[in-house]
Amino acid sequence: MFSRRGFLGTAALVSASAIQGRVQAASIPEAPHMDKAAMQPPQHPISGPDYRPVVTLNGWTLPFRMNGDWKEFHLVAEPVVREFAEGMKVNLWGYNGQSPGPTIEAVEGDKVRIFVTNRLPEHTTVHWHGMIVPSGMDGVGGLTQPHVKPGKTFVYEFEMKKSGTFMYHPHSDEMVQMAMGMMGMVVVHPRDMSFRPVDRDFVFIMSTYLIDPGTYLPKVNEMTDFNMWTWNSRVFPGIDPLPVRLNDKVRVRMGNLSMTNHPIHLHGHSFAVTCTDGGWIPETAQYPEATADVPVGAVRVFDVLADNPGDWAFHCHKSHHTMNAMGHDMRNMIGVSKKDLAKAVGKLAPDAMAMGSTGMAMGEMEMPTPDNTLPMMTGSGQFGPIEMGGMFTVMKIREGLARDDYRDPGPYKHSNGTVAYEVDAPATEPVRPGPSTNKPPEHNHGGSMKGMKM
């Protein structure tokens, strides 16, 4: 839900050098604020060119106001509390009440004016990743502009020179601020609406965190050993599904500001990668995929015809990235009997549980965890535990969905004879080869040399 914070007071006066006298402090637009972690309805244009608006997984699109021929937006960089999924909240930095910040949506050729107010305890900037802007608007602190000090507001003004999918993030104390969740997406629609139109358009950004179980703050100095793998700072089962009408043409836009690549896989379909943060890929250069690898600091966009009804898993294909709060120092105990050990430990700690000797499937277990910690594998479906976490959700393709209906349609109703089923077969021991009865050929290594020619 949006809440209007009102016009900013003297604590956030605009720097005269930043606005170069073109905009006065009294004209700063209000800063919309979001307190929901669920996908908000698309914002259809009320003026200018028509376009199919995007919907942000567990997020929203930043409203704007028109001031002459300028679209004006207002971002507020500030500490936020983000719920990763029910049962876990994290102290992050973000924009307008959430991390990641709201999606900025515009049309090719638009003139945009973006106010950025800093309510962080340190200075910041905003870089417009992949976008063609004047050098002084590029947002690299110290190089192209002064840092935005706490309590100050700067303005960025530029024209949306090309359509596509881009990102925004700080270029000021970047290691800390991005590790704390400061990022967001920018979608610029083509002015020619006949260019590759789609029926549904989804967007999200990927980020990763190391948050010790029972704590609330990411470890910002971590480089590789993360335990929370998020889409829009949410993990399964907290990530929104993608509701899609059967035979819709669907676009999915994915940004990656984590520290590793993510091979994103969609079940039940093949698709074409159509765009990157560098621009649109010519149709002659596209080829069918079922998995799109999204490199670090990059955007990948794919278009898919949703012609196969059902509930289709959509996830990162690195198996550790579909788990929550995972420790990486556990020994492999598969095949090791813990019966005697469990008895001995049970006398000292009756609630203790010997684990791992048959694998790590834990979907039906109710295990105690520290406060503010999610199960490593969780979630349930109509047939039982799903045993996932992290970067996992479901594309739900259904007949009869309304054009702008993005509500969860619930489990898919399979027609008779289309679900894998159990057969009643006798259990048999695997056939194992016994000791070999074949003798090696005999070789004459000595004895009589009769008949041999010397």
Protein backbone atom coordinates (compact mmCIF):
# COMPACT_ATOMS: atom_id res chain seq x y z
CA MET A 1 0.00 0.00 0.00
CA PHE A 2 1.27 3.47 -0.84
CA SER A 3 1.60 6.07 1.90
CA ARG A 4 2.47 9.67 1.06
CA ARG A 5 5.22 11.10 3.20
CA GLY A 6 4.57 14.66 2.16
CA PHE A 7 7.00 17.18 0.84
CA LEU A 8 10.47 17.11 2.35
CA GLY A 9 11.48 19.82 4.78
CA THR A 10 14.70 21.59 5.46
CA ALA A 11 16.50 18.33 6.33
CA ALA A 12 16.43 17.35 2.67
CA LEU A 13 17.02 20.60 0.81
CA VAL A 14 18.19 20.19 -2.74
CA SER A 15 21.82 20.88 -3.49
CA ALA A 16 21.94 23.92 -5.77
CA SER A 17 24.95 22.55 -7.65
CA ALA A 18 23.14 19.29 -8.39
CA ILE A 19 20.02 20.84 -9.86
CA GLN A 20 21.88 23.67 -11.62
CA GLY A 21 19.02 26.06 -10.97
CA ARG A 22 16.55 24.14 -13.14
CA VAL A 23 14.31 22.81 -10.38
CA GLN A 24 13.47 24.55 -7.12
CA ALA A 25 13.36 22.79 -3.75
CA ALA A 26 9.65 23.52 -3.36
CA SER A 27 8.90 21.43 -6.47
CA ILE A 28 10.26 18.16 -5.09
CA PRO A 29 7.58 15.49 -5.67
CA GLU A 30 6.29 13.35 -2.85
CA ALA A 31 8.09 10.08 -2.14
CA PRO A 32 5.69 7.10 -2.36
CA HIS A 33 6.31 4.41 0.24
CA MET A 34 5.45 0.69 0.13
CA ASP A 35 4.82 -1.50 3.16
CA LYS A 36 3.73 -4.69 1.35
CA ALA A 37 5.97 -7.55 0.19
CA ALA A 38 3.51 -8.88 -2.40
CA MET A 39 3.32 -8.16 -6.12
CA GLN A 40 1.37 -4.95 -6.77
CA PRO A 41 -0.94 -4.50 -9.79
CA PRO A 42 0.61 -3.12 -12.99
CA GLN A 43 0.43 0.65 -13.51
CA HIS A 44 -1.16 1.28 -16.88
CA PRO A 45 -0.20 4.57 -18.55
CA ILE A 46 -2.75 7.37 -18.19
CA SER A 47 -1.12 9.59 -20.81
CA GLY A 48 1.43 9.33 -23.62
CA PRO A 49 2.18 6.14 -25.55
CA ASP A 50 0.40 2.97 -24.51
CA TYR A 51 2.44 -0.01 -23.32
CA ARG A 52 2.08 -3.29 -21.49
CA PRO A 53 3.26 -2.42 -17.94
CA VAL A 54 5.54 -4.74 -15.99
CA VAL A 55 4.76 -6.41 -12.70
CA THR A 56 7.56 -6.84 -10.16
CA LEU A 57 7.76 -10.06 -8.14
CA ASN A 58 7.10 -9.09 -4.51
CA GLY A 59 7.41 -5.47 -5.56
CA TRP A 60 5.93 -2.45 -7.27
CA THR A 61 6.42 0.29 -9.86
CA LEU A 62 7.37 3.77 -8.64
CA PRO A 63 4.64 6.33 -9.45
CA PHE A 64 5.66 9.55 -11.19
CA ARG A 65 4.18 12.97 -11.82
CA MET A 66 4.30 15.03 -14.99
CA ASN A 67 5.95 18.45 -14.75
CA GLY A 68 5.72 19.95 -18.21
CA ASP A 69 7.27 17.34 -20.49
CA TRP A 70 9.32 15.75 -17.68
CA LYS A 71 8.40 12.57 -15.80
CA GLU A 72 9.46 13.15 -12.19
CA PHE A 73 10.27 10.32 -9.76
CA HIS A 74 11.48 10.43 -6.16
CA LEU A 75 13.73 7.75 -4.64
CA VAL A 76 14.56 7.81 -0.93
CA ALA A 77 17.63 5.80 0.14
CA GLU A 78 17.03 4.61 3.69
CA PRO A 79 17.28 1.72 6.17
CA VAL A 80 14.44 -0.77 5.71
CA VAL A 81 13.20 -4.04 7.18
CA ARG A 82 12.54 -6.71 4.55
CA GLU A 83 10.70 -9.95 5.20
CA PHE A 84 12.50 -12.70 3.23
CA ALA A 85 9.61 -15.10 3.90
CA GLU A 86 7.20 -15.55 6.76
CA GLY A 87 9.27 -16.08 9.88
CA MET A 88 12.37 -14.13 8.84
CA LYS A 89 12.95 -10.37 8.68
CA VAL A 90 16.25 -8.71 7.84
CA ASN A 91 17.62 -5.23 8.43
CA LEU A 92 18.69 -3.91 5.03
CA TRP A 93 19.20 -0.63 3.18
CA GLY A 94 16.91 0.13 0.27
CA TYR A 95 14.62 2.69 -1.31
CA ASN A 96 11.13 3.95 -0.45
CA GLY A 97 10.54 1.43 2.29
CA GLN A 98 11.78 -1.72 0.59
CA SER A 99 14.80 -3.59 -0.69
CA PRO A 100 15.12 -3.83 -3.60
CA GLY A 101 13.69 -0.47 -4.49
CA PRO A 102 10.66 0.04 -6.72
CA THR A 103 10.88 -0.55 -10.47
CA ILE A 104 11.22 2.64 -12.52
CA GLU A 105 9.16 2.37 -15.69
CA ALA A 106 9.22 4.74 -18.68
CA VAL A 107 9.08 4.88 -22.49
CA GLU A 108 11.88 5.35 -25.01
CA GLY A 109 12.33 9.08 -25.58
CA ASP A 110 10.89 10.15 -22.22
CA LYS A 111 12.63 12.95 -20.35
CA VAL A 112 12.96 11.86 -16.73
CA ARG A 113 13.92 13.75 -13.60
CA ILE A 114 14.75 11.51 -10.65
CA PHE A 115 15.12 13.06 -7.19
CA VAL A 116 17.27 11.01 -4.80
CA THR A 117 17.09 11.80 -1.08
CA ASN A 118 19.65 10.23 1.26
CA ARG A 119 18.40 9.06 4.65
CA LEU A 120 21.30 6.67 5.20
CA PRO A 121 23.98 7.21 7.86
CA GLU A 122 26.61 7.71 5.12
CA HIS A 123 26.85 9.32 1.70
CA THR A 124 25.55 7.61 -1.45
CA THR A 125 24.87 8.02 -5.20
CA VAL A 126 22.76 6.23 -7.84
CA HIS A 127 24.28 4.72 -10.99
CA TRP A 128 21.97 3.92 -13.94
CA HIS A 129 23.40 0.58 -15.01
CA GLY A 130 23.34 -0.02 -18.78
CA MET A 131 21.65 3.29 -19.61
CA ILE A 132 23.04 5.92 -21.98
CA VAL A 133 23.16 9.14 -19.95
CA PRO A 134 25.36 12.26 -19.83
CA SER A 135 28.60 11.64 -17.96
CA GLY A 136 27.62 13.97 -15.12
CA MET A 137 24.45 11.95 -14.53
CA ASP A 138 26.17 8.54 -14.37
CA GLY A 139 26.23 8.46 -10.57
CA VAL A 140 29.85 7.52 -9.79
CA GLY A 141 30.68 9.32 -6.56
CA GLY A 142 33.82 11.45 -6.75
CA LEU A 143 34.25 10.85 -10.50
CA THR A 144 31.11 12.23 -12.13
CA GLN A 145 29.39 13.96 -9.19
CA PRO A 146 29.79 14.82 -5.50
CA HIS A 147 28.58 12.18 -3.08
CA VAL A 148 25.05 12.75 -1.78
CA LYS A 149 25.57 13.39 1.91
CA PRO A 150 23.08 12.27 4.58
CA GLY A 151 20.01 14.50 4.62
CA LYS A 152 20.61 15.89 1.11
CA THR A 153 18.73 15.46 -2.15
CA PHE A 154 20.28 15.37 -5.64
CA VAL A 155 18.53 15.32 -9.00
CA TYR A 156 19.36 13.23 -12.08
CA GLU A 157 18.00 14.43 -15.43
CA PHE A 158 18.31 12.58 -18.73
CA GLU A 159 16.43 11.25 -21.73
CA MET A 160 15.59 7.57 -22.07
CA LYS A 161 17.57 7.12 -25.25
CA LYS A 162 16.93 3.41 -25.78
CA SER A 163 14.39 0.84 -24.71
CA GLY A 164 15.31 -2.25 -22.73
CA THR A 165 15.89 -3.55 -19.21
CA PHE A 166 18.39 -1.93 -16.87
CA MET A 167 19.29 -1.63 -13.17
CA TYR A 168 20.07 1.07 -10.64
CA HIS A 169 22.43 0.81 -7.67
CA PRO A 170 24.92 2.94 -5.72
CA HIS A 171 28.45 3.73 -6.89
CA SER A 172 29.43 4.96 -3.44
CA ASP A 173 30.74 2.58 -0.77
CA GLU A 174 29.41 0.03 -3.23
CA MET A 175 30.61 -3.07 -1.37
CA VAL A 176 28.57 -2.20 1.73
CA GLN A 177 25.56 -0.56 0.13
CA MET A 178 24.89 -3.25 -2.48
CA ALA A 179 25.55 -5.98 0.09
CA MET A 180 22.89 -4.28 2.23
CA GLY A 181 20.34 -4.53 -0.60
CA MET A 182 20.48 -1.17 -2.41
CA MET A 183 19.39 -1.93 -5.98
CA GLY A 184 16.40 -1.85 -8.30
CA MET A 185 15.26 -2.34 -11.90
CA VAL A 186 14.54 0.11 -14.73
CA VAL A 187 12.25 -0.88 -17.62
CA VAL A 188 12.07 1.32 -20.72
CA HIS A 189 9.37 0.34 -23.19
CA PRO A 190 9.77 0.86 -26.95
CA ARG A 191 7.91 3.89 -28.27
CA ASP A 192 6.79 1.74 -31.18
CA MET A 193 4.37 -0.57 -29.40
CA SER A 194 4.34 -3.00 -32.33
CA PHE A 195 7.92 -3.94 -31.43
CA ARG A 196 7.85 -7.40 -29.83
CA PRO A 197 4.65 -7.00 -27.80
CA VAL A 198 3.84 -9.43 -24.98
CA ASP A 199 0.76 -10.23 -22.89
CA ARG A 200 2.50 -10.45 -19.50
CA ASP A 201 5.75 -8.87 -18.41
CA PHE A 202 7.54 -9.84 -15.16
CA VAL A 203 10.71 -8.38 -13.64
CA PHE A 204 12.91 -9.16 -10.63
CA ILE A 205 16.50 -8.72 -9.42
CA MET A 206 18.76 -11.29 -7.76
CA SER A 207 20.88 -10.68 -4.66
CA THR A 208 22.61 -12.84 -2.03
CA TYR A 209 23.30 -12.49 1.68
CA LEU A 210 25.14 -14.18 4.53
CA ILE A 211 22.93 -13.95 7.60
CA ASP A 212 23.83 -16.12 10.55
CA PRO A 213 20.87 -18.12 11.96
CA GLY A 214 19.08 -16.14 14.64
CA THR A 215 20.45 -12.77 13.49
CA TYR A 216 19.00 -9.88 11.48
CA LEU A 217 21.93 -8.22 9.69
CA PRO A 218 23.90 -9.37 6.62
CA LYS A 219 27.66 -9.78 6.82
CA VAL A 220 28.67 -7.23 4.19
CA ASN A 221 32.31 -8.37 3.88
CA GLU A 222 31.37 -11.85 2.63
CA MET A 223 32.50 -12.58 -0.95
CA THR A 224 31.54 -16.20 -1.69
CA ASP A 225 29.92 -18.16 1.16
CA PHE A 226 26.32 -16.90 1.14
CA ASN A 227 23.35 -18.70 2.70
CA MET A 228 20.34 -16.67 1.51
CA TRP A 229 19.75 -16.60 -2.26
CA THR A 230 16.99 -14.16 -3.12
CA TRP A 231 14.78 -12.86 -5.90
CA ASN A 232 13.75 -9.34 -4.97
CA SER A 233 15.03 -10.06 -1.45
CA ARG A 234 12.56 -12.93 -1.01
CA VAL A 235 13.14 -16.67 -0.78
CA PHE A 236 10.83 -19.62 -1.41
CA PRO A 237 8.13 -20.04 -0.24
CA GLY A 238 7.93 -16.25 0.03
CA ILE A 239 8.51 -15.54 -3.68
CA ASP A 240 5.39 -14.69 -5.68
CA PRO A 241 4.29 -17.20 -8.32
CA LEU A 242 4.00 -16.08 -11.93
CA PRO A 243 0.30 -16.44 -12.87
CA VAL A 244 -0.04 -16.70 -16.66
CA ARG A 245 -2.99 -17.19 -19.00
CA LEU A 246 -2.70 -20.18 -21.34
CA ASN A 247 -1.17 -19.16 -24.69
CA ASP A 248 -0.03 -15.79 -23.38
CA LYS A 249 3.28 -14.52 -24.71
CA VAL A 250 5.28 -13.87 -21.55
CA ARG A 251 8.41 -11.80 -20.96
CA VAL A 252 10.59 -12.35 -17.87
CA ARG A 253 13.29 -9.76 -17.08
CA MET A 254 16.04 -10.82 -14.63
CA GLY A 255 18.81 -8.66 -13.17
CA ASN A 256 21.77 -10.06 -11.24
CA LEU A 257 23.59 -7.96 -8.65
CA SER A 258 24.79 -10.92 -6.59
CA MET A 259 28.39 -12.23 -6.46
CA THR A 260 27.89 -15.25 -8.73
CA ASN A 261 26.11 -16.28 -11.93
CA HIS A 262 22.69 -17.95 -11.86
CA PRO A 263 21.49 -20.47 -14.49
CA ILE A 264 17.73 -19.84 -14.42
CA HIS A 265 15.64 -22.77 -15.63
CA LEU A 266 11.95 -22.97 -16.58
CA HIS A 267 10.28 -26.38 -16.69
CA GLY A 268 7.90 -27.48 -19.42
CA HIS A 269 8.88 -24.91 -22.06
CA SER A 270 11.62 -23.60 -24.28
CA PHE A 271 12.21 -19.88 -24.69
CA ALA A 272 14.42 -17.36 -26.45
CA VAL A 273 16.73 -14.86 -24.73
CA THR A 274 15.63 -11.60 -26.35
CA CYS A 275 17.40 -8.79 -24.49
CA THR A 276 20.35 -7.94 -22.23
CA ASP A 277 21.30 -4.77 -20.38
CA GLY A 278 23.12 -3.83 -23.60
CA GLY A 279 19.99 -3.93 -25.76
CA TRP A 280 17.66 -6.12 -27.80
CA ILE A 281 19.03 -9.28 -29.43
CA PRO A 282 18.16 -9.52 -33.15
CA GLU A 283 15.71 -12.31 -33.88
CA THR A 284 18.22 -13.87 -36.28
CA ALA A 285 20.65 -14.33 -33.35
CA GLN A 286 18.17 -16.00 -30.98
CA TYR A 287 17.99 -19.74 -30.37
CA PRO A 288 15.89 -22.03 -28.14
CA GLU A 289 16.83 -22.41 -24.49
CA ALA A 290 15.39 -23.97 -21.35
CA THR A 291 18.01 -22.39 -19.06
CA ALA A 292 19.42 -18.86 -19.27
CA ASP A 293 22.65 -18.09 -17.41
CA VAL A 294 22.57 -14.60 -15.90
CA PRO A 295 26.12 -13.33 -15.28
CA VAL A 296 27.12 -11.04 -12.42
CA GLY A 297 26.19 -7.42 -13.06
CA ALA A 298 24.02 -8.31 -16.05
CA VAL A 299 20.43 -8.52 -17.24
CA ARG A 300 18.86 -11.34 -19.22
CA VAL A 301 15.35 -11.23 -20.67
CA PHE A 302 13.52 -14.17 -22.19
CA ASP A 303 10.24 -14.45 -24.08
CA VAL A 304 8.19 -17.64 -23.85
CA LEU A 305 4.88 -18.81 -25.30
CA ALA A 306 2.95 -20.26 -22.35
CA ASP A 307 1.28 -23.05 -24.32
CA ASN A 308 1.66 -25.89 -21.80
CA PRO A 309 -0.80 -25.63 -18.89
CA GLY A 310 0.29 -26.63 -15.41
CA ASP A 311 2.45 -25.65 -12.45
CA TRP A 312 5.99 -25.29 -13.77
CA ALA A 313 9.02 -24.95 -11.50
CA PHE A 314 11.10 -21.83 -12.21
CA HIS A 315 14.40 -21.67 -10.37
CA CYS A 316 18.16 -21.28 -10.30
CA HIS A 317 19.75 -24.58 -11.28
CA LYS A 318 22.61 -24.35 -8.78
CA SER A 319 21.18 -26.72 -6.18
CA HIS A 320 22.57 -24.81 -3.20
CA HIS A 321 20.78 -21.70 -4.46
CA THR A 322 17.39 -23.32 -3.85
CA MET A 323 18.05 -23.72 -0.13
CA ASN A 324 17.83 -21.36 2.84
CA ALA A 325 20.30 -20.73 5.68
CA MET A 326 22.49 -23.58 4.53
CA GLY A 327 25.71 -24.47 6.33
CA HIS A 328 28.52 -25.69 4.10
CA ASP A 329 30.62 -27.54 6.69
CA MET A 330 28.43 -30.63 7.16
CA ARG A 331 30.09 -34.01 6.64
CA ASN A 332 28.55 -36.53 4.26
CA MET A 333 27.14 -39.34 6.44
CA ILE A 334 25.13 -41.17 3.77
CA GLY A 335 25.28 -44.93 4.39
CA VAL A 336 26.75 -44.54 7.89
CA SER A 337 24.71 -46.19 10.64
CA LYS A 338 24.13 -43.82 13.55
CA LYS A 339 21.96 -46.20 15.58
CA ASP A 340 24.43 -46.73 18.44
CA LEU A 341 25.49 -43.08 18.44
CA ALA A 342 21.87 -41.92 18.52
CA LYS A 343 21.17 -44.09 21.56
CA ALA A 344 24.15 -42.73 23.44
CA VAL A 345 23.43 -39.10 22.56
CA GLY A 346 19.73 -39.56 23.32
CA LYS A 347 20.53 -40.31 26.95
CA LEU A 348 22.23 -36.92 27.27
CA ALA A 349 20.03 -34.88 24.91
CA PRO A 350 16.61 -36.52 24.36
CA ASP A 351 15.65 -34.00 21.65
CA ALA A 352 18.78 -34.59 19.58
CA MET A 353 18.38 -36.02 16.09
CA ALA A 354 20.94 -38.02 14.12
CA MET A 355 20.72 -36.81 10.53
CA GLY A 356 22.19 -37.28 7.09
CA SER A 357 22.71 -41.05 6.91
CA THR A 358 19.95 -41.45 4.29
CA GLY A 359 20.20 -38.02 2.65
CA MET A 360 18.89 -34.59 3.61
CA ALA A 361 15.17 -34.85 2.74
CA MET A 362 13.52 -33.01 5.63
CA GLY A 363 10.30 -31.71 4.14
CA GLU A 364 8.03 -33.54 6.59
CA MET A 365 10.14 -32.93 9.71
CA GLU A 366 9.31 -30.26 12.25
CA MET A 367 12.71 -29.19 13.53
CA PRO A 368 13.34 -26.36 15.98
CA THR A 369 15.34 -23.45 14.57
CA PRO A 370 16.70 -20.24 16.08
CA ASP A 371 14.42 -17.21 16.03
CA ASN A 372 14.30 -15.36 12.71
CA THR A 373 15.62 -18.36 10.76
CA LEU A 374 13.96 -20.27 7.92
CA PRO A 375 14.15 -24.02 7.31
CA MET A 376 16.86 -25.05 4.87
CA MET A 377 14.31 -26.84 2.65
CA THR A 378 10.63 -26.03 2.94
CA GLY A 379 7.35 -25.42 1.16
CA SER A 380 4.51 -27.79 0.32
CA GLY A 381 2.33 -28.57 -2.66
CA GLN A 382 -0.77 -30.62 -3.33
CA PHE A 383 1.29 -33.85 -3.33
CA GLY A 384 3.47 -33.20 -0.28
CA PRO A 385 6.68 -31.36 0.69
CA ILE A 386 8.42 -29.45 -2.10
CA GLU A 387 11.77 -29.27 -0.23
CA MET A 388 13.06 -26.07 -1.78
CA GLY A 389 14.11 -22.61 -0.69
CA GLY A 390 16.02 -19.64 -2.06
CA MET A 391 15.65 -18.89 -5.77
CA PHE A 392 12.57 -20.98 -6.55
CA THR A 393 9.01 -20.21 -7.57
CA VAL A 394 6.32 -21.52 -9.93
CA MET A 395 4.94 -20.30 -13.24
CA LYS A 396 1.24 -21.18 -13.06
CA ILE A 397 -0.30 -21.42 -16.53
CA ARG A 398 -4.10 -21.56 -16.61
CA GLU A 399 -6.97 -21.16 -19.00
CA GLY A 400 -9.36 -18.30 -18.45
CA LEU A 401 -7.29 -15.85 -16.39
CA ALA A 402 -8.34 -12.23 -16.89
CA ARG A 403 -5.92 -9.89 -18.60
CA ASP A 404 -4.64 -8.23 -15.43
CA ASP A 405 -5.38 -11.04 -12.99
CA TYR A 406 -2.13 -11.83 -11.15
CA ARG A 407 -3.69 -13.62 -8.18
CA ASP A 408 -2.37 -17.05 -7.26
CA PRO A 409 -4.76 -19.50 -9.00
CA GLY A 410 -3.91 -22.30 -6.55
CA PRO A 411 -2.74 -25.84 -7.42
CA TYR A 412 -3.17 -27.11 -10.98
CA LYS A 413 -6.00 -29.57 -11.53
CA HIS A 414 -4.47 -32.40 -13.54
CA SER A 415 -6.68 -34.34 -15.93
CA ASN A 416 -7.08 -38.07 -15.39
CA GLY A 417 -4.07 -40.15 -16.31
CA THR A 418 -1.59 -37.28 -16.46
CA VAL A 419 0.13 -37.61 -13.06
CA ALA A 420 3.04 -39.97 -12.37
CA TYR A 421 1.85 -42.88 -10.24
CA GLU A 422 3.07 -45.76 -8.14
CA VAL A 423 2.91 -49.36 -9.35
CA ASP A 424 2.73 -52.43 -7.12
CA ALA A 425 5.96 -54.20 -7.95
CA PRO A 426 7.85 -56.70 -5.78
CA ALA A 427 10.98 -55.39 -4.16
CA THR A 428 14.02 -57.18 -5.55
CA GLU A 429 17.63 -57.13 -4.61
CA PRO A 430 19.90 -55.68 -7.27
CA VAL A 431 21.81 -58.28 -9.26
CA ARG A 432 25.42 -58.17 -8.20
CA PRO A 433 28.17 -60.07 -10.03
CA GLY A 434 29.79 -62.82 -7.97
CA PRO A 435 33.47 -63.78 -7.86
CA SER A 436 34.89 -64.44 -11.29
CA THR A 437 35.39 -68.12 -12.27
CA ASN A 438 37.38 -67.36 -15.37
CA LYS A 439 41.00 -68.33 -15.04
CA PRO A 440 43.61 -66.24 -16.76
CA PRO A 441 45.31 -67.96 -19.70
CA GLU A 442 48.37 -69.95 -18.81
CA HIS A 443 51.69 -68.63 -20.02
CA ASN A 444 54.91 -70.61 -20.47
CA HIS A 445 57.51 -68.69 -18.55
CA GLY A 446 60.12 -71.46 -18.46
CA GLY A 447 60.77 -75.20 -18.80
CA SER A 448 61.58 -77.09 -21.97
CA MET A 449 62.79 -75.15 -24.98
CA LYS A 450 62.22 -78.07 -27.32
CA GLY A 451 61.31 -77.03 -30.80
CA MET A 452 62.44 -73.49 -30.45
CA LYS A 453 64.80 -72.17 -33.04
CA MET A 454 67.71 -70.20 -31.81
